[in-house]
Amino acid sequence: MKFIIIYGPPAVGKLTVARELAKLTGYKVFHNHLTVDLAYLLFPSGTKGYSDFVEKLRLEIIETAAKNKVKGLIFTFVYGLETLGGKKDNLFIKKIIKIMKQYNSQVFFVKLACADKELHRRLKDESRKEFNKLSDVKKLNLIRKKLNIDSAIPLVDNQIIDNTFLSAKKVAYMIKSKL
């Protein structure tokens, strides 16, 4: 299995790019809010129960896909946000790498970034309402002050793409060329 992790701050275009990449590759999209929204039903965001549940769900889905030789899976998330303020994110990444090795699967890390002005514009996009995503610039700025959600994952090789002026389709082609 090829497992692509697309990460970056809220509204950077992770899901939009993931959907375009899925069109090019035939891979399945496993986006952040599939587990986040389920966890919200049971736990307040930021609690240990929420964090543990989200991680357990994600790892189980990822391992099940690898075990069953799914051709490819594209996963999106905000590094440093949902797992107790980022304290568990590096451990989460290590667990993913271990799963991928266990099932002879490949993992690719893609960090998306864009200029603040564009990020703030994207926060207001109507499509963000579909999954009750963050849409408030003030909240984003508070999160950015508190957590380092703009950093690259330090444990791995990252393909870093500034998509400020690029279409999602162009970014998807850039990612595909590295697979």
C-alpha atoms as a PDB file:
ATOM      1  CA  MET A   1       0.000   0.000   0.000  1.00  0.00           C
ATOM      2  CA  LYS A   2       1.054   3.555  -0.614  1.00  0.00           C
ATOM      3  CA  PHE A   3       0.067   5.808   2.270  1.00  0.00           C
ATOM      4  CA  ILE A   4       0.208   9.547   1.714  1.00  0.00           C
ATOM      5  CA  ILE A   5      -0.111  11.912   4.653  1.00  0.00           C
ATOM      6  CA  ILE A   6      -1.078  15.436   3.647  1.00  0.00           C
ATOM      7  CA  TYR A   7      -0.797  17.848   6.535  1.00  0.00           C
ATOM      8  CA  GLY A   8      -0.672  21.555   7.279  1.00  0.00           C
ATOM      9  CA  PRO A   9      -2.722  24.221   9.041  1.00  0.00           C
ATOM     10  CA  PRO A  10      -6.508  24.469   8.786  1.00  0.00           C
ATOM     11  CA  ALA A  11      -7.727  25.771   5.398  1.00  0.00           C
ATOM     12  CA  VAL A  12      -4.445  25.148   3.582  1.00  0.00           C
ATOM     13  CA  GLY A  13      -6.262  22.829   1.156  1.00  0.00           C
ATOM     14  CA  LYS A  14      -5.510  19.339   2.469  1.00  0.00           C
ATOM     15  CA  LEU A  15      -8.858  17.744   1.630  1.00  0.00           C
ATOM     16  CA  THR A  16      -9.177  19.564  -1.696  1.00  0.00           C
ATOM     17  CA  VAL A  17      -5.727  18.351  -2.746  1.00  0.00           C
ATOM     18  CA  ALA A  18      -6.421  14.852  -1.388  1.00  0.00           C
ATOM     19  CA  ARG A  19      -9.558  14.605  -3.520  1.00  0.00           C
ATOM     20  CA  GLU A  20      -7.637  15.690  -6.636  1.00  0.00           C
ATOM     21  CA  LEU A  21      -4.852  13.219  -5.860  1.00  0.00           C
ATOM     22  CA  ALA A  22      -7.452  10.465  -5.432  1.00  0.00           C
ATOM     23  CA  LYS A  23      -8.770  11.223  -8.933  1.00  0.00           C
ATOM     24  CA  LEU A  24      -5.252  10.819 -10.349  1.00  0.00           C
ATOM     25  CA  THR A  25      -4.291   7.685  -8.428  1.00  0.00           C
ATOM     26  CA  GLY A  26      -7.481   5.820  -7.555  1.00  0.00           C
ATOM     27  CA  TYR A  27      -6.441   5.928  -3.889  1.00  0.00           C
ATOM     28  CA  LYS A  28      -8.991   6.299  -1.098  1.00  0.00           C
ATOM     29  CA  VAL A  29      -9.257   9.511   0.941  1.00  0.00           C
ATOM     30  CA  PHE A  30      -9.277   9.208   4.731  1.00  0.00           C
ATOM     31  CA  HIS A  31      -9.613  12.779   5.901  1.00  0.00           C
ATOM     32  CA  ASN A  32      -9.234  14.266   9.316  1.00  0.00           C
ATOM     33  CA  HIS A  33     -12.874  14.997  10.059  1.00  0.00           C
ATOM     34  CA  LEU A  34     -14.032  11.403   9.617  1.00  0.00           C
ATOM     35  CA  THR A  35     -12.507  10.631  13.018  1.00  0.00           C
ATOM     36  CA  VAL A  36     -12.728  14.115  14.531  1.00  0.00           C
ATOM     37  CA  ASP A  37     -16.481  14.363  14.055  1.00  0.00           C
ATOM     38  CA  LEU A  38     -16.997  10.902  15.525  1.00  0.00           C
ATOM     39  CA  ALA A  39     -14.853  11.741  18.553  1.00  0.00           C
ATOM     40  CA  TYR A  40     -16.804  14.999  19.103  1.00  0.00           C
ATOM     41  CA  LEU A  41     -19.912  12.883  19.696  1.00  0.00           C
ATOM     42  CA  LEU A  42     -18.315  11.398  22.805  1.00  0.00           C
ATOM     43  CA  PHE A  43     -15.658  13.769  24.117  1.00  0.00           C
ATOM     44  CA  PRO A  44     -14.870  17.469  24.315  1.00  0.00           C
ATOM     45  CA  SER A  45     -12.081  18.489  21.946  1.00  0.00           C
ATOM     46  CA  GLY A  46      -8.656  18.577  23.531  1.00  0.00           C
ATOM     47  CA  THR A  47      -9.393  16.072  26.287  1.00  0.00           C
ATOM     48  CA  LYS A  48      -7.425  12.876  26.822  1.00  0.00           C
ATOM     49  CA  GLY A  49     -10.489  10.789  25.953  1.00  0.00           C
ATOM     50  CA  TYR A  50     -10.893  12.671  22.675  1.00  0.00           C
ATOM     51  CA  SER A  51      -7.201  12.423  21.801  1.00  0.00           C
ATOM     52  CA  ASP A  52      -6.901   8.728  22.646  1.00  0.00           C
ATOM     53  CA  PHE A  53     -10.076   7.839  20.744  1.00  0.00           C
ATOM     54  CA  VAL A  54      -9.056   9.767  17.598  1.00  0.00           C
ATOM     55  CA  GLU A  55      -5.608   8.152  17.587  1.00  0.00           C
ATOM     56  CA  LYS A  56      -6.989   4.652  18.151  1.00  0.00           C
ATOM     57  CA  LEU A  57      -9.524   5.027  15.327  1.00  0.00           C
ATOM     58  CA  ARG A  58      -6.952   6.386  12.917  1.00  0.00           C
ATOM     59  CA  LEU A  59      -4.364   3.718  13.621  1.00  0.00           C
ATOM     60  CA  GLU A  60      -6.944   0.944  13.339  1.00  0.00           C
ATOM     61  CA  ILE A  61      -8.169   2.238   9.978  1.00  0.00           C
ATOM     62  CA  ILE A  62      -4.638   2.708   8.653  1.00  0.00           C
ATOM     63  CA  GLU A  63      -3.521  -0.748   9.793  1.00  0.00           C
ATOM     64  CA  THR A  64      -6.646  -2.427   8.427  1.00  0.00           C
ATOM     65  CA  ALA A  65      -6.073  -0.788   5.040  1.00  0.00           C
ATOM     66  CA  ALA A  66      -2.405  -1.878   4.980  1.00  0.00           C
ATOM     67  CA  LYS A  67      -3.219  -5.409   6.150  1.00  0.00           C
ATOM     68  CA  ASN A  68      -5.837  -5.783   3.422  1.00  0.00           C
ATOM     69  CA  LYS A  69      -3.511  -4.415   0.748  1.00  0.00           C
ATOM     70  CA  VAL A  70      -5.562  -1.377  -0.171  1.00  0.00           C
ATOM     71  CA  LYS A  71      -3.791   0.097  -3.217  1.00  0.00           C
ATOM     72  CA  GLY A  72      -3.391   3.519  -1.654  1.00  0.00           C
ATOM     73  CA  LEU A  73      -4.723   5.700   1.140  1.00  0.00           C
ATOM     74  CA  ILE A  74      -4.492   9.487   1.428  1.00  0.00           C
ATOM     75  CA  PHE A  75      -4.739  10.774   4.996  1.00  0.00           C
ATOM     76  CA  THR A  76      -5.146  14.411   6.007  1.00  0.00           C
ATOM     77  CA  PHE A  77      -4.596  16.033   9.383  1.00  0.00           C
ATOM     78  CA  VAL A  78      -3.203  19.050  11.202  1.00  0.00           C
ATOM     79  CA  TYR A  79       0.111  18.070  12.741  1.00  0.00           C
ATOM     80  CA  GLY A  80       0.283  19.313  16.333  1.00  0.00           C
ATOM     81  CA  LEU A  81      -3.420  20.023  16.830  1.00  0.00           C
ATOM     82  CA  GLU A  82      -5.615  17.124  17.863  1.00  0.00           C
ATOM     83  CA  THR A  83      -3.407  14.910  19.965  1.00  0.00           C
ATOM     84  CA  LEU A  84      -3.193  16.824  23.236  1.00  0.00           C
ATOM     85  CA  GLY A  85      -1.634  19.933  21.793  1.00  0.00           C
ATOM     86  CA  GLY A  86       0.741  18.011  19.603  1.00  0.00           C
ATOM     87  CA  LYS A  87       2.405  16.207  22.494  1.00  0.00           C
ATOM     88  CA  LYS A  88       1.588  12.825  20.996  1.00  0.00           C
ATOM     89  CA  ASP A  89       1.963  13.590  17.293  1.00  0.00           C
ATOM     90  CA  ASN A  90       5.534  12.357  16.939  1.00  0.00           C
ATOM     91  CA  LEU A  91       4.576   9.126  18.697  1.00  0.00           C
ATOM     92  CA  PHE A  92       1.584   8.835  16.350  1.00  0.00           C
ATOM     93  CA  ILE A  93       3.892   9.250  13.329  1.00  0.00           C
ATOM     94  CA  LYS A  94       6.267   6.596  14.703  1.00  0.00           C
ATOM     95  CA  LYS A  95       3.332   4.189  15.076  1.00  0.00           C
ATOM     96  CA  ILE A  96       2.284   4.826  11.480  1.00  0.00           C
ATOM     97  CA  ILE A  97       5.819   4.169  10.233  1.00  0.00           C
ATOM     98  CA  LYS A  98       5.920   0.919  12.230  1.00  0.00           C
ATOM     99  CA  ILE A  99       2.608  -0.210  10.705  1.00  0.00           C
ATOM    100  CA  MET A 100       3.811   0.625   7.192  1.00  0.00           C
ATOM    101  CA  LYS A 101       7.015  -1.376   7.725  1.00  0.00           C
ATOM    102  CA  GLN A 102       5.070  -4.312   9.149  1.00  0.00           C
ATOM    103  CA  TYR A 103       2.956  -4.540   5.993  1.00  0.00           C
ATOM    104  CA  ASN A 104       5.711  -3.617   3.500  1.00  0.00           C
ATOM    105  CA  SER A 105       3.884  -0.419   2.671  1.00  0.00           C
ATOM    106  CA  GLN A 106       5.304   2.953   1.715  1.00  0.00           C
ATOM    107  CA  VAL A 107       4.507   6.203   3.471  1.00  0.00           C
ATOM    108  CA  PHE A 108       4.923   9.693   2.012  1.00  0.00           C
ATOM    109  CA  PHE A 109       4.645  12.948   3.937  1.00  0.00           C
ATOM    110  CA  VAL A 110       3.416  16.103   2.208  1.00  0.00           C
ATOM    111  CA  LYS A 111       3.231  19.414   4.044  1.00  0.00           C
ATOM    112  CA  LEU A 112       1.081  22.110   2.481  1.00  0.00           C
ATOM    113  CA  ALA A 113       1.648  25.765   3.270  1.00  0.00           C
ATOM    114  CA  CYS A 114       0.329  29.052   1.963  1.00  0.00           C
ATOM    115  CA  ALA A 115       0.528  32.768   2.678  1.00  0.00           C
ATOM    116  CA  ASP A 116      -1.513  34.010   5.635  1.00  0.00           C
ATOM    117  CA  LYS A 117      -3.694  36.304   3.528  1.00  0.00           C
ATOM    118  CA  GLU A 118      -4.704  33.358   1.319  1.00  0.00           C
ATOM    119  CA  LEU A 119      -5.159  31.066   4.323  1.00  0.00           C
ATOM    120  CA  HIS A 120      -7.529  33.596   5.907  1.00  0.00           C
ATOM    121  CA  ARG A 121      -9.479  33.848   2.641  1.00  0.00           C
ATOM    122  CA  ARG A 122      -9.773  30.064   2.432  1.00  0.00           C
ATOM    123  CA  LEU A 123     -11.075  29.876   6.012  1.00  0.00           C
ATOM    124  CA  LYS A 124     -14.245  31.585   4.792  1.00  0.00           C
ATOM    125  CA  ASP A 125     -14.824  29.145   1.911  1.00  0.00           C
ATOM    126  CA  GLU A 126     -18.306  27.654   1.847  1.00  0.00           C
ATOM    127  CA  SER A 127     -16.929  24.115   1.433  1.00  0.00           C
ATOM    128  CA  ARG A 128     -15.550  24.219   4.988  1.00  0.00           C
ATOM    129  CA  LYS A 129     -19.091  24.021   6.379  1.00  0.00           C
ATOM    130  CA  GLU A 130     -19.548  20.473   5.040  1.00  0.00           C
ATOM    131  CA  PHE A 131     -17.501  19.053   7.922  1.00  0.00           C
ATOM    132  CA  ASN A 132     -17.935  21.858  10.466  1.00  0.00           C
ATOM    133  CA  LYS A 133     -14.341  22.981   9.951  1.00  0.00           C
ATOM    134  CA  LEU A 134     -12.677  25.962  11.559  1.00  0.00           C
ATOM    135  CA  SER A 135     -13.684  29.173   9.788  1.00  0.00           C
ATOM    136  CA  ASP A 136     -12.697  31.907  12.243  1.00  0.00           C
ATOM    137  CA  VAL A 137      -9.437  33.800  11.667  1.00  0.00           C
ATOM    138  CA  LYS A 138      -9.185  34.811  15.348  1.00  0.00           C
ATOM    139  CA  LYS A 139      -9.465  31.170  16.455  1.00  0.00           C
ATOM    140  CA  LEU A 140      -6.854  30.127  13.906  1.00  0.00           C
ATOM    141  CA  ASN A 141      -4.483  32.811  15.171  1.00  0.00           C
ATOM    142  CA  LEU A 142      -5.014  31.667  18.778  1.00  0.00           C
ATOM    143  CA  ILE A 143      -4.281  28.070  17.798  1.00  0.00           C
ATOM    144  CA  ARG A 144      -1.148  29.173  15.947  1.00  0.00           C
ATOM    145  CA  LYS A 145       0.095  31.077  19.021  1.00  0.00           C
ATOM    146  CA  LYS A 146      -0.549  28.123  21.314  1.00  0.00           C
ATOM    147  CA  LEU A 147       0.522  25.248  19.041  1.00  0.00           C
ATOM    148  CA  ASN A 148       3.145  24.866  16.359  1.00  0.00           C
ATOM    149  CA  ILE A 149       0.770  23.703  13.623  1.00  0.00           C
ATOM    150  CA  ASP A 150       2.850  25.201  10.820  1.00  0.00           C
ATOM    151  CA  SER A 151       5.961  23.106  11.417  1.00  0.00           C
ATOM    152  CA  ALA A 152       7.153  20.188   9.319  1.00  0.00           C
ATOM    153  CA  ILE A 153       7.199  16.736  10.882  1.00  0.00           C
ATOM    154  CA  PRO A 154      10.780  16.428  12.166  1.00  0.00           C
ATOM    155  CA  LEU A 155      11.081  12.632  12.023  1.00  0.00           C
ATOM    156  CA  VAL A 156      10.654  12.109   8.298  1.00  0.00           C
ATOM    157  CA  ASP A 157      11.416  13.356   4.806  1.00  0.00           C
ATOM    158  CA  ASN A 158       8.758  15.851   3.795  1.00  0.00           C
ATOM    159  CA  GLN A 159       7.653  17.103   0.426  1.00  0.00           C
ATOM    160  CA  ILE A 160       6.809  20.731   1.246  1.00  0.00           C
ATOM    161  CA  ILE A 161       4.560  22.569  -1.189  1.00  0.00           C
ATOM    162  CA  ASP A 162       3.530  26.213  -0.976  1.00  0.00           C
ATOM    163  CA  ASN A 163       0.160  26.165  -2.682  1.00  0.00           C
ATOM    164  CA  THR A 164      -0.642  29.866  -2.302  1.00  0.00           C
ATOM    165  CA  PHE A 165      -0.849  30.340  -6.067  1.00  0.00           C
ATOM    166  CA  LEU A 166      -1.291  26.721  -7.194  1.00  0.00           C
ATOM    167  CA  SER A 167      -4.481  24.874  -8.025  1.00  0.00           C
ATOM    168  CA  ALA A 168      -5.298  21.708  -6.103  1.00  0.00           C
ATOM    169  CA  LYS A 169      -4.948  19.778  -9.357  1.00  0.00           C
ATOM    170  CA  LYS A 170      -1.415  21.137  -9.915  1.00  0.00           C
ATOM    171  CA  VAL A 171      -0.437  20.222  -6.345  1.00  0.00           C
ATOM    172  CA  ALA A 172      -1.890  16.738  -6.814  1.00  0.00           C
ATOM    173  CA  TYR A 173       0.248  16.276  -9.937  1.00  0.00           C
ATOM    174  CA  MET A 174       3.324  17.438  -7.989  1.00  0.00           C
ATOM    175  CA  ILE A 175       2.623  14.880  -5.256  1.00  0.00           C
ATOM    176  CA  LYS A 176       1.936  12.086  -7.746  1.00  0.00           C
ATOM    177  CA  SER A 177       5.246  12.729  -9.488  1.00  0.00           C
ATOM    178  CA  LYS A 178       7.070  11.924  -6.210  1.00  0.00           C
ATOM    179  CA  LEU A 179       5.211   8.664  -5.467  1.00  0.00           C
END
